[in-house]
Amino acid sequence: MTGLAAGAAAAVGAVVGAGSGALAVWLERVERLEEEEGEERAQYEAETAALDVAARGVAPGWQGDRYGWTFLEWLLSPLAAAAGFAAFAAHESFGRGLVIHLLWVSVFVHILAFDIKHRLILNKVTYPAIAVALALGQVSPGLTFVYALFGAAVVYLFFWIQSLLLGGERLGMGDAKLGALVGAVTGFGLDADHLGAVYAVVAAALSAGVVAVLLLVTRIRGLKDPIPYGPFLCAGAALILFTGPSAG
């Protein structure tokens, strides 16, 4: 597509990203995340108040989440969606394949920002998205319904087994469900031309490792600080969609 079309797609993406931010703020209220955190904070403070400060030291203060509109909703989401829309529009011709890919860019941008903010991936988002991915499997570029179904099952089982081995401490089931979505969107088959789900997971693992090392070296994060894995899965899936088939 022309540069003008890519620019128009970027503008549409920015609007979609802003809408994604509004959806995130609405979901915060629907899920009552702030109220739930308030209850957890009250329990934490009650427990720490009972500590023997002289023997065990002062317990660390509660590190709460932020709610409502933040830079993630009004800046990151619109910019990420605009960049994604522009990149795909410049890379592919207008048609069914491009529309499907832009749909997944929108979904991944929303999940990325929400997971960064709350370290949480909502079932309200992943379950419908998985259903849509399977429904679109037969008409998605390079996929069939079977490839989409196998991709969802294989990636979900991979993360589910990994979660069991790690005792659920480093990988939550939200990541496993997101993995099922990534697998359904990128697909999996027994031939070398349909290993998109595998490549997406590998890309996510490599990028997560690099970022984790950088955060540790710069001391932005410590060894015990959680780093959300969802954004890397979203980025890995988007990369595979970008480099894969782009039928019109």
C-alpha atoms as a PDB file:
ATOM      1  CA  MET A   1       0.000   0.000   0.000  1.00  0.00           C
ATOM      2  CA  THR A   2       1.044   3.621  -0.477  1.00  0.00           C
ATOM      3  CA  GLY A   3       2.543   5.828   2.173  1.00  0.00           C
ATOM      4  CA  LEU A   4      -0.711   7.819   2.250  1.00  0.00           C
ATOM      5  CA  ALA A   5      -2.676   4.646   3.003  1.00  0.00           C
ATOM      6  CA  ALA A   6      -0.199   3.692   5.721  1.00  0.00           C
ATOM      7  CA  GLY A   7      -0.591   7.155   7.249  1.00  0.00           C
ATOM      8  CA  ALA A   8      -4.363   6.805   7.186  1.00  0.00           C
ATOM      9  CA  ALA A   9      -4.032   3.397   8.809  1.00  0.00           C
ATOM     10  CA  ALA A  10      -1.835   4.926  11.509  1.00  0.00           C
ATOM     11  CA  ALA A  11      -4.532   7.510  12.246  1.00  0.00           C
ATOM     12  CA  VAL A  12      -7.151   4.777  12.490  1.00  0.00           C
ATOM     13  CA  GLY A  13      -4.808   2.790  14.715  1.00  0.00           C
ATOM     14  CA  ALA A  14      -4.372   5.747  17.058  1.00  0.00           C
ATOM     15  CA  VAL A  15      -8.140   6.004  17.422  1.00  0.00           C
ATOM     16  CA  VAL A  16      -8.386   2.255  18.015  1.00  0.00           C
ATOM     17  CA  GLY A  17      -5.595   2.491  20.598  1.00  0.00           C
ATOM     18  CA  ALA A  18      -7.412   5.272  22.421  1.00  0.00           C
ATOM     19  CA  GLY A  19     -10.532   3.127  22.387  1.00  0.00           C
ATOM     20  CA  SER A  20      -8.476   0.278  23.784  1.00  0.00           C
ATOM     21  CA  GLY A  21      -7.405   2.538  26.638  1.00  0.00           C
ATOM     22  CA  ALA A  22     -11.023   3.461  27.357  1.00  0.00           C
ATOM     23  CA  LEU A  23     -11.903  -0.245  27.353  1.00  0.00           C
ATOM     24  CA  ALA A  24      -9.093  -0.939  29.817  1.00  0.00           C
ATOM     25  CA  VAL A  25     -10.351   1.739  32.221  1.00  0.00           C
ATOM     26  CA  TRP A  26     -13.902   0.356  31.934  1.00  0.00           C
ATOM     27  CA  LEU A  27     -12.691  -3.193  32.609  1.00  0.00           C
ATOM     28  CA  GLU A  28     -10.900  -1.976  35.736  1.00  0.00           C
ATOM     29  CA  ARG A  29     -14.240  -0.819  37.096  1.00  0.00           C
ATOM     30  CA  VAL A  30     -16.144  -3.902  35.954  1.00  0.00           C
ATOM     31  CA  GLU A  31     -13.597  -6.219  37.554  1.00  0.00           C
ATOM     32  CA  ARG A  32     -13.490  -4.022  40.684  1.00  0.00           C
ATOM     33  CA  LEU A  33      -9.698  -4.199  40.651  1.00  0.00           C
ATOM     34  CA  GLU A  34      -9.212  -1.132  42.836  1.00  0.00           C
ATOM     35  CA  GLU A  35     -11.638  -2.413  45.485  1.00  0.00           C
ATOM     36  CA  GLU A  36      -9.978  -5.820  45.435  1.00  0.00           C
ATOM     37  CA  GLU A  37      -6.552  -4.267  45.898  1.00  0.00           C
ATOM     38  CA  GLY A  38      -7.886  -2.181  48.785  1.00  0.00           C
ATOM     39  CA  GLU A  39      -9.014  -5.326  50.573  1.00  0.00           C
ATOM     40  CA  GLU A  40      -5.641  -6.998  49.979  1.00  0.00           C
ATOM     41  CA  ARG A  41      -3.822  -3.906  51.211  1.00  0.00           C
ATOM     42  CA  ALA A  42      -5.877  -3.770  54.412  1.00  0.00           C
ATOM     43  CA  GLN A  43      -5.103  -7.424  55.084  1.00  0.00           C
ATOM     44  CA  TYR A  44      -1.404  -6.886  54.373  1.00  0.00           C
ATOM     45  CA  GLU A  45      -1.189  -3.899  56.692  1.00  0.00           C
ATOM     46  CA  ALA A  46      -3.003  -5.780  59.448  1.00  0.00           C
ATOM     47  CA  GLU A  47      -0.555  -8.678  59.142  1.00  0.00           C
ATOM     48  CA  THR A  48       2.555  -6.501  59.052  1.00  0.00           C
ATOM     49  CA  ALA A  49       1.352  -4.492  62.039  1.00  0.00           C
ATOM     50  CA  ALA A  50       1.581  -7.677  64.094  1.00  0.00           C
ATOM     51  CA  LEU A  51       5.234  -8.270  63.195  1.00  0.00           C
ATOM     52  CA  ASP A  52       7.907  -7.937  65.837  1.00  0.00           C
ATOM     53  CA  VAL A  53       9.616  -4.958  64.269  1.00  0.00           C
ATOM     54  CA  ALA A  54      12.596  -5.161  66.610  1.00  0.00           C
ATOM     55  CA  ALA A  55      13.340  -8.732  65.544  1.00  0.00           C
ATOM     56  CA  ARG A  56      12.265  -8.760  61.914  1.00  0.00           C
ATOM     57  CA  GLY A  57      12.624  -5.180  60.789  1.00  0.00           C
ATOM     58  CA  VAL A  58      10.090  -2.856  59.180  1.00  0.00           C
ATOM     59  CA  ALA A  59       7.945  -4.517  56.534  1.00  0.00           C
ATOM     60  CA  PRO A  60       8.076  -2.899  53.093  1.00  0.00           C
ATOM     61  CA  GLY A  61       5.261  -0.516  52.218  1.00  0.00           C
ATOM     62  CA  TRP A  62       2.430  -1.546  49.953  1.00  0.00           C
ATOM     63  CA  GLN A  63       3.187  -0.968  46.280  1.00  0.00           C
ATOM     64  CA  GLY A  64      -0.219  -0.294  44.775  1.00  0.00           C
ATOM     65  CA  ASP A  65      -1.338  -0.235  41.160  1.00  0.00           C
ATOM     66  CA  ARG A  66      -2.539   2.902  39.425  1.00  0.00           C
ATOM     67  CA  TYR A  67      -6.089   3.113  38.112  1.00  0.00           C
ATOM     68  CA  GLY A  68      -7.962   5.198  35.588  1.00  0.00           C
ATOM     69  CA  TRP A  69      -6.252   7.005  32.718  1.00  0.00           C
ATOM     70  CA  THR A  70      -2.462   6.787  32.789  1.00  0.00           C
ATOM     71  CA  PHE A  71       0.197   7.166  30.083  1.00  0.00           C
ATOM     72  CA  LEU A  72      -0.526   3.547  29.122  1.00  0.00           C
ATOM     73  CA  GLU A  73      -4.051   4.458  28.016  1.00  0.00           C
ATOM     74  CA  TRP A  74      -3.583   7.936  26.585  1.00  0.00           C
ATOM     75  CA  LEU A  75      -0.115   7.514  25.044  1.00  0.00           C
ATOM     76  CA  LEU A  76       1.268   3.968  24.796  1.00  0.00           C
ATOM     77  CA  SER A  77      -1.866   2.276  23.451  1.00  0.00           C
ATOM     78  CA  PRO A  78      -2.556   4.869  20.708  1.00  0.00           C
ATOM     79  CA  LEU A  79       1.112   4.975  19.663  1.00  0.00           C
ATOM     80  CA  ALA A  80       1.505   1.193  19.624  1.00  0.00           C
ATOM     81  CA  ALA A  81      -1.710   0.685  17.665  1.00  0.00           C
ATOM     82  CA  ALA A  82      -0.808   3.472  15.217  1.00  0.00           C
ATOM     83  CA  ALA A  83       2.631   1.954  14.620  1.00  0.00           C
ATOM     84  CA  GLY A  84       1.184  -1.520  14.191  1.00  0.00           C
ATOM     85  CA  PHE A  85      -1.551  -0.402  11.810  1.00  0.00           C
ATOM     86  CA  ALA A  86       0.904   1.617   9.733  1.00  0.00           C
ATOM     87  CA  ALA A  87       3.437  -1.231   9.542  1.00  0.00           C
ATOM     88  CA  PHE A  88       0.888  -3.830   8.436  1.00  0.00           C
ATOM     89  CA  ALA A  89      -0.808  -1.445   6.007  1.00  0.00           C
ATOM     90  CA  ALA A  90       2.532  -0.612   4.383  1.00  0.00           C
ATOM     91  CA  HIS A  91       3.454  -4.304   4.234  1.00  0.00           C
ATOM     92  CA  GLU A  92       0.233  -5.804   2.877  1.00  0.00           C
ATOM     93  CA  SER A  93      -2.331  -4.988   0.221  1.00  0.00           C
ATOM     94  CA  PHE A  94      -5.815  -4.110   1.369  1.00  0.00           C
ATOM     95  CA  GLY A  95      -8.013  -7.150   1.788  1.00  0.00           C
ATOM     96  CA  ARG A  96      -9.326  -9.757   4.164  1.00  0.00           C
ATOM     97  CA  GLY A  97      -5.885 -10.740   5.432  1.00  0.00           C
ATOM     98  CA  LEU A  98      -4.964  -7.174   6.367  1.00  0.00           C
ATOM     99  CA  VAL A  99      -8.263  -6.624   8.191  1.00  0.00           C
ATOM    100  CA  ILE A 100      -7.737  -9.805  10.219  1.00  0.00           C
ATOM    101  CA  HIS A 101      -4.183  -8.844  11.091  1.00  0.00           C
ATOM    102  CA  LEU A 102      -5.244  -5.361  12.202  1.00  0.00           C
ATOM    103  CA  LEU A 103      -7.871  -6.961  14.426  1.00  0.00           C
ATOM    104  CA  TRP A 104      -5.156  -8.930  16.226  1.00  0.00           C
ATOM    105  CA  VAL A 105      -2.910  -5.882  16.483  1.00  0.00           C
ATOM    106  CA  SER A 106      -5.772  -4.156  18.308  1.00  0.00           C
ATOM    107  CA  VAL A 107      -6.282  -7.090  20.673  1.00  0.00           C
ATOM    108  CA  PHE A 108      -2.578  -7.472  21.398  1.00  0.00           C
ATOM    109  CA  VAL A 109      -2.135  -3.757  22.111  1.00  0.00           C
ATOM    110  CA  HIS A 110      -4.940  -3.901  24.656  1.00  0.00           C
ATOM    111  CA  ILE A 111      -3.563  -7.012  26.375  1.00  0.00           C
ATOM    112  CA  LEU A 112      -0.023  -5.592  26.376  1.00  0.00           C
ATOM    113  CA  ALA A 113      -0.972  -2.355  28.116  1.00  0.00           C
ATOM    114  CA  PHE A 114      -3.332  -4.005  30.618  1.00  0.00           C
ATOM    115  CA  ASP A 115      -0.768  -6.632  31.594  1.00  0.00           C
ATOM    116  CA  ILE A 116       1.970  -4.029  32.058  1.00  0.00           C
ATOM    117  CA  LYS A 117      -0.319  -2.007  34.303  1.00  0.00           C
ATOM    118  CA  HIS A 118      -1.932  -4.752  36.391  1.00  0.00           C
ATOM    119  CA  ARG A 119       0.124  -7.903  35.690  1.00  0.00           C
ATOM    120  CA  LEU A 120      -3.201  -9.442  34.765  1.00  0.00           C
ATOM    121  CA  ILE A 121      -4.737 -10.904  31.614  1.00  0.00           C
ATOM    122  CA  LEU A 122      -8.521 -11.010  31.825  1.00  0.00           C
ATOM    123  CA  ASN A 123     -10.593 -14.010  30.789  1.00  0.00           C
ATOM    124  CA  LYS A 124     -13.153 -11.505  29.508  1.00  0.00           C
ATOM    125  CA  VAL A 125     -10.642 -10.667  26.794  1.00  0.00           C
ATOM    126  CA  THR A 126      -8.846 -13.943  26.073  1.00  0.00           C
ATOM    127  CA  TYR A 127     -11.855 -16.286  25.930  1.00  0.00           C
ATOM    128  CA  PRO A 128     -13.808 -14.327  23.279  1.00  0.00           C
ATOM    129  CA  ALA A 129     -10.583 -13.636  21.379  1.00  0.00           C
ATOM    130  CA  ILE A 130      -9.730 -17.349  21.245  1.00  0.00           C
ATOM    131  CA  ALA A 131     -13.231 -18.121  19.964  1.00  0.00           C
ATOM    132  CA  VAL A 132     -12.904 -15.463  17.260  1.00  0.00           C
ATOM    133  CA  ALA A 133      -9.430 -16.715  16.297  1.00  0.00           C
ATOM    134  CA  LEU A 134     -10.746 -20.249  15.826  1.00  0.00           C
ATOM    135  CA  ALA A 135     -13.749 -18.990  13.866  1.00  0.00           C
ATOM    136  CA  LEU A 136     -11.458 -16.982  11.565  1.00  0.00           C
ATOM    137  CA  GLY A 137      -8.899 -19.775  11.266  1.00  0.00           C
ATOM    138  CA  GLN A 138     -10.226 -21.057   7.961  1.00  0.00           C
ATOM    139  CA  VAL A 139     -10.049 -17.637   6.291  1.00  0.00           C
ATOM    140  CA  SER A 140      -6.902 -16.250   7.958  1.00  0.00           C
ATOM    141  CA  PRO A 141      -3.714 -15.952   5.859  1.00  0.00           C
ATOM    142  CA  GLY A 142      -1.703 -19.192   5.984  1.00  0.00           C
ATOM    143  CA  LEU A 143      -4.107 -20.897   8.384  1.00  0.00           C
ATOM    144  CA  THR A 144      -6.935 -23.398   8.510  1.00  0.00           C
ATOM    145  CA  PHE A 145      -9.284 -24.164  11.367  1.00  0.00           C
ATOM    146  CA  VAL A 146      -7.227 -27.265  12.176  1.00  0.00           C
ATOM    147  CA  TYR A 147      -3.953 -25.340  12.306  1.00  0.00           C
ATOM    148  CA  ALA A 148      -5.554 -22.690  14.531  1.00  0.00           C
ATOM    149  CA  LEU A 149      -7.008 -25.348  16.846  1.00  0.00           C
ATOM    150  CA  PHE A 150      -3.726 -27.246  17.070  1.00  0.00           C
ATOM    151  CA  GLY A 151      -1.840 -24.011  17.702  1.00  0.00           C
ATOM    152  CA  ALA A 152      -4.145 -23.072  20.572  1.00  0.00           C
ATOM    153  CA  ALA A 153      -3.938 -26.535  22.139  1.00  0.00           C
ATOM    154  CA  VAL A 154      -0.175 -26.970  21.787  1.00  0.00           C
ATOM    155  CA  VAL A 155       0.814 -23.576  23.172  1.00  0.00           C
ATOM    156  CA  TYR A 156      -1.711 -23.789  26.018  1.00  0.00           C
ATOM    157  CA  LEU A 157      -0.418 -27.213  27.042  1.00  0.00           C
ATOM    158  CA  PHE A 158       3.171 -25.971  26.849  1.00  0.00           C
ATOM    159  CA  PHE A 159       2.500 -23.130  29.281  1.00  0.00           C
ATOM    160  CA  TRP A 160       0.228 -25.244  31.467  1.00  0.00           C
ATOM    161  CA  ILE A 161       2.959 -27.858  31.919  1.00  0.00           C
ATOM    162  CA  GLN A 162       5.542 -25.126  32.503  1.00  0.00           C
ATOM    163  CA  SER A 163       3.291 -23.586  35.155  1.00  0.00           C
ATOM    164  CA  LEU A 164       3.005 -26.930  36.930  1.00  0.00           C
ATOM    165  CA  LEU A 165       6.770 -27.431  36.879  1.00  0.00           C
ATOM    166  CA  LEU A 166       7.353 -23.933  38.265  1.00  0.00           C
ATOM    167  CA  GLY A 167       4.655 -24.306  40.895  1.00  0.00           C
ATOM    168  CA  GLY A 168       2.682 -21.430  39.375  1.00  0.00           C
ATOM    169  CA  GLU A 169       5.154 -18.915  40.826  1.00  0.00           C
ATOM    170  CA  ARG A 170       6.562 -17.414  37.660  1.00  0.00           C
ATOM    171  CA  LEU A 171       3.877 -18.132  35.111  1.00  0.00           C
ATOM    172  CA  GLY A 172       0.175 -17.674  35.725  1.00  0.00           C
ATOM    173  CA  MET A 173      -2.669 -19.355  33.884  1.00  0.00           C
ATOM    174  CA  GLY A 174      -3.481 -16.009  32.315  1.00  0.00           C
ATOM    175  CA  ASP A 175      -0.289 -16.404  30.299  1.00  0.00           C
ATOM    176  CA  ALA A 176      -1.335 -19.941  29.340  1.00  0.00           C
ATOM    177  CA  LYS A 177      -4.683 -18.660  28.058  1.00  0.00           C
ATOM    178  CA  LEU A 178      -2.931 -15.869  26.185  1.00  0.00           C
ATOM    179  CA  GLY A 179      -0.652 -18.572  24.783  1.00  0.00           C
ATOM    180  CA  ALA A 180      -3.737 -20.364  23.473  1.00  0.00           C
ATOM    181  CA  LEU A 181      -4.780 -17.154  21.712  1.00  0.00           C
ATOM    182  CA  VAL A 182      -1.304 -16.681  20.250  1.00  0.00           C
ATOM    183  CA  GLY A 183      -1.312 -20.286  19.067  1.00  0.00           C
ATOM    184  CA  ALA A 184      -4.737 -19.927  17.460  1.00  0.00           C
ATOM    185  CA  VAL A 185      -3.714 -16.736  15.674  1.00  0.00           C
ATOM    186  CA  THR A 186      -0.345 -18.006  14.382  1.00  0.00           C
ATOM    187  CA  GLY A 187      -1.205 -21.709  13.941  1.00  0.00           C
ATOM    188  CA  PHE A 188       0.649 -24.975  14.289  1.00  0.00           C
ATOM    189  CA  GLY A 189       1.114 -27.913  11.941  1.00  0.00           C
ATOM    190  CA  LEU A 190       3.478 -30.811  11.537  1.00  0.00           C
ATOM    191  CA  ASP A 191       5.131 -29.354   8.434  1.00  0.00           C
ATOM    192  CA  ALA A 192       7.831 -26.685   8.455  1.00  0.00           C
ATOM    193  CA  ASP A 193       5.550 -24.095   6.802  1.00  0.00           C
ATOM    194  CA  HIS A 194       3.068 -24.032   9.684  1.00  0.00           C
ATOM    195  CA  LEU A 195       5.151 -23.545  12.820  1.00  0.00           C
ATOM    196  CA  GLY A 196       4.082 -19.970  13.469  1.00  0.00           C
ATOM    197  CA  ALA A 197       3.017 -20.729  17.042  1.00  0.00           C
ATOM    198  CA  VAL A 198       6.442 -22.180  17.833  1.00  0.00           C
ATOM    199  CA  TYR A 199       8.227 -19.191  16.329  1.00  0.00           C
ATOM    200  CA  ALA A 200       5.988 -16.788  18.243  1.00  0.00           C
ATOM    201  CA  VAL A 201       6.784 -18.464  21.576  1.00  0.00           C
ATOM    202  CA  VAL A 202      10.509 -18.552  20.780  1.00  0.00           C
ATOM    203  CA  ALA A 203      10.485 -14.870  19.808  1.00  0.00           C
ATOM    204  CA  ALA A 204       8.647 -14.051  23.050  1.00  0.00           C
ATOM    205  CA  ALA A 205      11.115 -16.028  25.170  1.00  0.00           C
ATOM    206  CA  LEU A 206      14.168 -14.462  23.527  1.00  0.00           C
ATOM    207  CA  SER A 207      12.855 -10.901  23.774  1.00  0.00           C
ATOM    208  CA  ALA A 208      11.747 -11.446  27.383  1.00  0.00           C
ATOM    209  CA  GLY A 209      15.202 -12.743  28.268  1.00  0.00           C
ATOM    210  CA  VAL A 210      16.960  -9.776  26.711  1.00  0.00           C
ATOM    211  CA  VAL A 211      14.668  -7.255  28.405  1.00  0.00           C
ATOM    212  CA  ALA A 212      14.968  -9.032  31.763  1.00  0.00           C
ATOM    213  CA  VAL A 213      18.766  -8.882  31.587  1.00  0.00           C
ATOM    214  CA  LEU A 214      18.668  -5.181  30.682  1.00  0.00           C
ATOM    215  CA  LEU A 215      16.303  -4.414  33.567  1.00  0.00           C
ATOM    216  CA  LEU A 216      18.543  -6.304  35.988  1.00  0.00           C
ATOM    217  CA  VAL A 217      21.745  -4.688  34.727  1.00  0.00           C
ATOM    218  CA  THR A 218      20.225  -1.216  34.968  1.00  0.00           C
ATOM    219  CA  ARG A 219      18.700  -2.125  38.358  1.00  0.00           C
ATOM    220  CA  ILE A 220      15.258  -1.039  37.231  1.00  0.00           C
ATOM    221  CA  ARG A 221      14.073  -4.459  38.409  1.00  0.00           C
ATOM    222  CA  GLY A 222      15.479  -6.922  40.922  1.00  0.00           C
ATOM    223  CA  LEU A 223      15.627 -10.707  40.767  1.00  0.00           C
ATOM    224  CA  LYS A 224      12.413 -11.021  42.777  1.00  0.00           C
ATOM    225  CA  ASP A 225      10.482  -8.327  40.907  1.00  0.00           C
ATOM    226  CA  PRO A 226       7.804  -9.703  38.569  1.00  0.00           C
ATOM    227  CA  ILE A 227       8.092  -8.954  34.861  1.00  0.00           C
ATOM    228  CA  PRO A 228       4.851  -9.511  32.925  1.00  0.00           C
ATOM    229  CA  TYR A 229       5.296 -12.057  30.152  1.00  0.00           C
ATOM    230  CA  GLY A 230       2.109 -11.221  28.254  1.00  0.00           C
ATOM    231  CA  PRO A 231       3.556  -8.238  26.354  1.00  0.00           C
ATOM    232  CA  PHE A 232       6.328 -10.425  24.936  1.00  0.00           C
ATOM    233  CA  LEU A 233       3.837 -13.047  23.763  1.00  0.00           C
ATOM    234  CA  CYS A 234       1.822 -10.319  22.077  1.00  0.00           C
ATOM    235  CA  ALA A 235       4.926  -8.889  20.401  1.00  0.00           C
ATOM    236  CA  GLY A 236       6.063 -12.356  19.281  1.00  0.00           C
ATOM    237  CA  ALA A 237       2.672 -13.113  17.754  1.00  0.00           C
ATOM    238  CA  ALA A 238       2.548  -9.745  15.978  1.00  0.00           C
ATOM    239  CA  LEU A 239       6.034 -10.353  14.559  1.00  0.00           C
ATOM    240  CA  ILE A 240       5.030 -13.746  13.153  1.00  0.00           C
ATOM    241  CA  LEU A 241       1.858 -12.301  11.634  1.00  0.00           C
ATOM    242  CA  PHE A 242       3.919  -9.538  10.039  1.00  0.00           C
ATOM    243  CA  THR A 243       6.496 -11.886   8.522  1.00  0.00           C
ATOM    244  CA  GLY A 244       4.011 -14.618   7.568  1.00  0.00           C
ATOM    245  CA  PRO A 245       1.512 -14.944   4.723  1.00  0.00           C
ATOM    246  CA  SER A 246      -0.580 -11.870   3.918  1.00  0.00           C
ATOM    247  CA  ALA A 247      -3.285 -13.018   1.542  1.00  0.00           C
ATOM    248  CA  GLY A 248      -5.728 -10.401   0.380  1.00  0.00           C
END
